[in-house]
Amino acid sequence: MEREIIYKNSIDSDLIIKISLEDESAKEIIASAYRKILYRYNGNVSTVIRELSIPRQSFYNKLRKYGIDLKTIRKR
């Protein structure tokens, strides 16, 4: 399955990356993106979901799917 990931970079242009979600490296890229935004906001889920414009439950599902431990991120 192919999906598009849209990342808004610092110069306000959209970078669209097409990846196959079956590819292990693609999953690592997505997990890394979630970790980075969590670190940026010190694990504050409310801020992250507002920034990503996704429902809270969907966000928690993604954390489980990609094996991201929110408690570890908040301890940093």
N, C-alpha and C. Protein backbone atom coordinates (compact mmCIF):
# COMPACT_ATOMS: atom_id res chain seq x y z
N MET A 1 0.84 -1.16 0.00
CA MET A 1 0.00 0.00 0.00
C MET A 1 0.89 1.24 0.00
N GLU A 2 0.59 2.17 -0.85
CA GLU A 2 1.35 3.41 -0.88
C GLU A 2 0.55 4.52 -0.23
N ARG A 3 1.23 5.35 0.50
CA ARG A 3 0.62 6.52 1.12
C ARG A 3 1.52 7.71 0.87
N GLU A 4 0.96 8.85 0.97
CA GLU A 4 1.76 10.07 0.86
C GLU A 4 1.93 10.67 2.24
N ILE A 5 3.14 11.06 2.52
CA ILE A 5 3.42 11.77 3.76
C ILE A 5 3.77 13.19 3.36
N ILE A 6 3.07 14.13 3.94
CA ILE A 6 3.34 15.53 3.64
C ILE A 6 4.01 16.14 4.85
N TYR A 7 5.19 16.66 4.64
CA TYR A 7 5.96 17.28 5.72
C TYR A 7 6.12 18.75 5.39
N LYS A 8 5.69 19.59 6.29
CA LYS A 8 5.81 21.03 6.09
C LYS A 8 7.17 21.45 6.63
N ASN A 9 8.05 21.89 5.75
CA ASN A 9 9.39 22.26 6.22
C ASN A 9 9.45 23.73 6.59
N SER A 10 10.60 24.16 7.05
CA SER A 10 10.74 25.49 7.62
C SER A 10 10.57 26.62 6.61
N ILE A 11 10.64 26.34 5.33
CA ILE A 11 10.45 27.42 4.36
C ILE A 11 9.06 27.38 3.73
N ASP A 12 8.14 26.67 4.42
CA ASP A 12 6.73 26.63 4.04
C ASP A 12 6.46 26.03 2.66
N SER A 13 7.31 25.13 2.22
CA SER A 13 6.97 24.40 1.00
C SER A 13 6.72 22.96 1.40
N ASP A 14 5.79 22.32 0.74
CA ASP A 14 5.44 20.95 1.08
C ASP A 14 6.36 19.97 0.37
N LEU A 15 6.82 18.99 1.13
CA LEU A 15 7.61 17.91 0.56
C LEU A 15 6.74 16.67 0.63
N ILE A 16 6.43 16.09 -0.50
CA ILE A 16 5.58 14.90 -0.52
C ILE A 16 6.44 13.69 -0.83
N ILE A 17 6.35 12.72 0.06
CA ILE A 17 7.15 11.51 -0.08
C ILE A 17 6.20 10.33 -0.21
N LYS A 18 6.32 9.57 -1.28
CA LYS A 18 5.52 8.35 -1.44
C LYS A 18 6.35 7.17 -0.96
N ILE A 19 5.78 6.40 -0.05
CA ILE A 19 6.48 5.24 0.47
C ILE A 19 5.53 4.06 0.58
N SER A 20 6.08 2.89 0.60
CA SER A 20 5.30 1.70 0.83
C SER A 20 5.35 1.39 2.32
N LEU A 21 4.19 1.30 2.96
CA LEU A 21 4.15 1.07 4.39
C LEU A 21 4.51 -0.37 4.75
N GLU A 22 4.66 -1.23 3.77
CA GLU A 22 5.10 -2.59 4.03
C GLU A 22 6.61 -2.64 4.19
N ASP A 23 7.29 -1.66 3.70
CA ASP A 23 8.75 -1.58 3.76
C ASP A 23 9.19 -1.22 5.17
N GLU A 24 10.09 -2.01 5.76
CA GLU A 24 10.54 -1.78 7.13
C GLU A 24 11.20 -0.42 7.30
N SER A 25 11.96 0.01 6.32
CA SER A 25 12.61 1.32 6.44
C SER A 25 11.58 2.45 6.44
N ALA A 26 10.48 2.26 5.74
CA ALA A 26 9.41 3.26 5.74
C ALA A 26 8.80 3.37 7.13
N LYS A 27 8.61 2.25 7.79
CA LYS A 27 8.07 2.26 9.15
C LYS A 27 9.02 2.97 10.11
N GLU A 28 10.31 2.77 9.90
CA GLU A 28 11.31 3.44 10.75
C GLU A 28 11.27 4.96 10.54
N ILE A 29 11.08 5.38 9.31
CA ILE A 29 11.00 6.81 9.00
C ILE A 29 9.78 7.43 9.69
N ILE A 30 8.66 6.76 9.62
CA ILE A 30 7.44 7.27 10.23
C ILE A 30 7.59 7.31 11.75
N ALA A 31 8.11 6.23 12.34
CA ALA A 31 8.32 6.19 13.79
C ALA A 31 9.26 7.31 14.22
N SER A 32 10.29 7.55 13.45
CA SER A 32 11.24 8.61 13.75
C SER A 32 10.55 9.98 13.72
N ALA A 33 9.68 10.18 12.76
CA ALA A 33 8.96 11.45 12.66
C ALA A 33 8.07 11.68 13.88
N TYR A 34 7.38 10.62 14.33
CA TYR A 34 6.55 10.74 15.53
C TYR A 34 7.42 11.03 16.76
N ARG A 35 8.56 10.35 16.88
CA ARG A 35 9.45 10.59 18.02
C ARG A 35 9.96 12.04 18.02
N LYS A 36 10.34 12.52 16.85
CA LYS A 36 10.88 13.88 16.77
C LYS A 36 9.87 14.92 17.21
N ILE A 37 8.63 14.79 16.76
CA ILE A 37 7.64 15.80 17.15
C ILE A 37 7.31 15.67 18.63
N LEU A 38 7.34 14.45 19.17
CA LEU A 38 7.12 14.28 20.60
C LEU A 38 8.24 14.91 21.41
N TYR A 39 9.48 14.71 20.98
CA TYR A 39 10.60 15.34 21.67
C TYR A 39 10.52 16.87 21.58
N ARG A 40 10.12 17.37 20.42
CA ARG A 40 10.02 18.81 20.23
C ARG A 40 9.08 19.45 21.25
N TYR A 41 7.99 18.73 21.55
CA TYR A 41 6.99 19.26 22.49
C TYR A 41 7.04 18.56 23.84
N ASN A 42 8.19 17.97 24.16
CA ASN A 42 8.42 17.34 25.46
C ASN A 42 7.34 16.32 25.84
N GLY A 43 6.85 15.59 24.85
CA GLY A 43 5.86 14.55 25.11
C GLY A 43 4.46 15.07 25.39
N ASN A 44 4.21 16.34 25.12
CA ASN A 44 2.89 16.92 25.36
C ASN A 44 1.95 16.51 24.22
N VAL A 45 1.13 15.51 24.50
CA VAL A 45 0.27 14.93 23.46
C VAL A 45 -0.73 15.95 22.93
N SER A 46 -1.30 16.77 23.79
CA SER A 46 -2.27 17.76 23.33
C SER A 46 -1.67 18.68 22.27
N THR A 47 -0.46 19.12 22.50
CA THR A 47 0.21 20.00 21.54
C THR A 47 0.52 19.26 20.25
N VAL A 48 0.98 18.02 20.37
CA VAL A 48 1.34 17.23 19.19
C VAL A 48 0.12 16.96 18.32
N ILE A 49 -0.99 16.52 18.92
CA ILE A 49 -2.16 16.20 18.10
C ILE A 49 -2.76 17.45 17.47
N ARG A 50 -2.64 18.57 18.16
CA ARG A 50 -3.11 19.84 17.58
C ARG A 50 -2.23 20.20 16.38
N GLU A 51 -0.92 20.02 16.52
CA GLU A 51 0.02 20.31 15.43
C GLU A 51 -0.20 19.39 14.23
N LEU A 52 -0.48 18.12 14.50
CA LEU A 52 -0.68 17.15 13.42
C LEU A 52 -2.11 17.11 12.90
N SER A 53 -3.02 17.73 13.62
CA SER A 53 -4.46 17.73 13.27
C SER A 53 -5.02 16.32 13.13
N ILE A 54 -4.74 15.49 14.15
CA ILE A 54 -5.28 14.14 14.16
C ILE A 54 -5.96 13.89 15.50
N PRO A 55 -6.93 12.97 15.54
CA PRO A 55 -7.60 12.65 16.80
C PRO A 55 -6.63 12.00 17.79
N ARG A 56 -6.88 12.23 19.07
CA ARG A 56 -6.03 11.69 20.14
C ARG A 56 -5.92 10.17 20.04
N GLN A 57 -7.05 9.48 19.85
CA GLN A 57 -7.01 8.02 19.80
C GLN A 57 -6.19 7.51 18.62
N SER A 58 -6.28 8.18 17.49
CA SER A 58 -5.47 7.80 16.33
C SER A 58 -3.99 7.95 16.64
N PHE A 59 -3.65 9.02 17.36
CA PHE A 59 -2.26 9.24 17.73
C PHE A 59 -1.76 8.13 18.65
N TYR A 60 -2.55 7.78 19.65
CA TYR A 60 -2.14 6.70 20.55
C TYR A 60 -2.02 5.37 19.81
N ASN A 61 -2.90 5.14 18.84
CA ASN A 61 -2.80 3.93 18.02
C ASN A 61 -1.49 3.90 17.25
N LYS A 62 -1.08 5.06 16.72
CA LYS A 62 0.20 5.14 15.99
C LYS A 62 1.37 4.86 16.92
N LEU A 63 1.33 5.39 18.14
CA LEU A 63 2.41 5.13 19.10
C LEU A 63 2.54 3.63 19.35
N ARG A 64 1.42 2.96 19.55
CA ARG A 64 1.45 1.50 19.76
C ARG A 64 1.97 0.78 18.52
N LYS A 65 1.48 1.19 17.36
CA LYS A 65 1.87 0.53 16.11
C LYS A 65 3.38 0.61 15.87
N TYR A 66 3.97 1.76 16.20
CA TYR A 66 5.39 1.95 15.93
C TYR A 66 6.27 1.74 17.16
N GLY A 67 5.67 1.23 18.23
CA GLY A 67 6.44 0.87 19.42
C GLY A 67 7.08 2.05 20.12
N ILE A 68 6.39 3.16 20.17
CA ILE A 68 6.92 4.37 20.80
C ILE A 68 6.39 4.45 22.23
N ASP A 69 7.31 4.56 23.18
CA ASP A 69 6.96 4.63 24.59
C ASP A 69 6.94 6.09 25.03
N LEU A 70 5.76 6.60 25.26
CA LEU A 70 5.58 8.00 25.63
C LEU A 70 6.25 8.32 26.97
N LYS A 71 6.23 7.38 27.90
CA LYS A 71 6.84 7.62 29.21
C LYS A 71 8.34 7.89 29.08
N THR A 72 8.99 7.15 28.21
CA THR A 72 10.43 7.34 28.00
C THR A 72 10.72 8.73 27.43
N ILE A 73 9.90 9.18 26.52
CA ILE A 73 10.09 10.50 25.90
C ILE A 73 9.88 11.60 26.93
N ARG A 74 8.88 11.44 27.80
CA ARG A 74 8.59 12.46 28.80
C ARG A 74 9.67 12.55 29.87
N LYS A 75 10.43 11.49 30.09
CA LYS A 75 11.49 11.49 31.10
C LYS A 75 12.71 12.29 30.68
N ARG A 76 12.87 12.54 29.40
CA ARG A 76 14.07 13.24 28.90
C ARG A 76 14.05 14.69 29.22
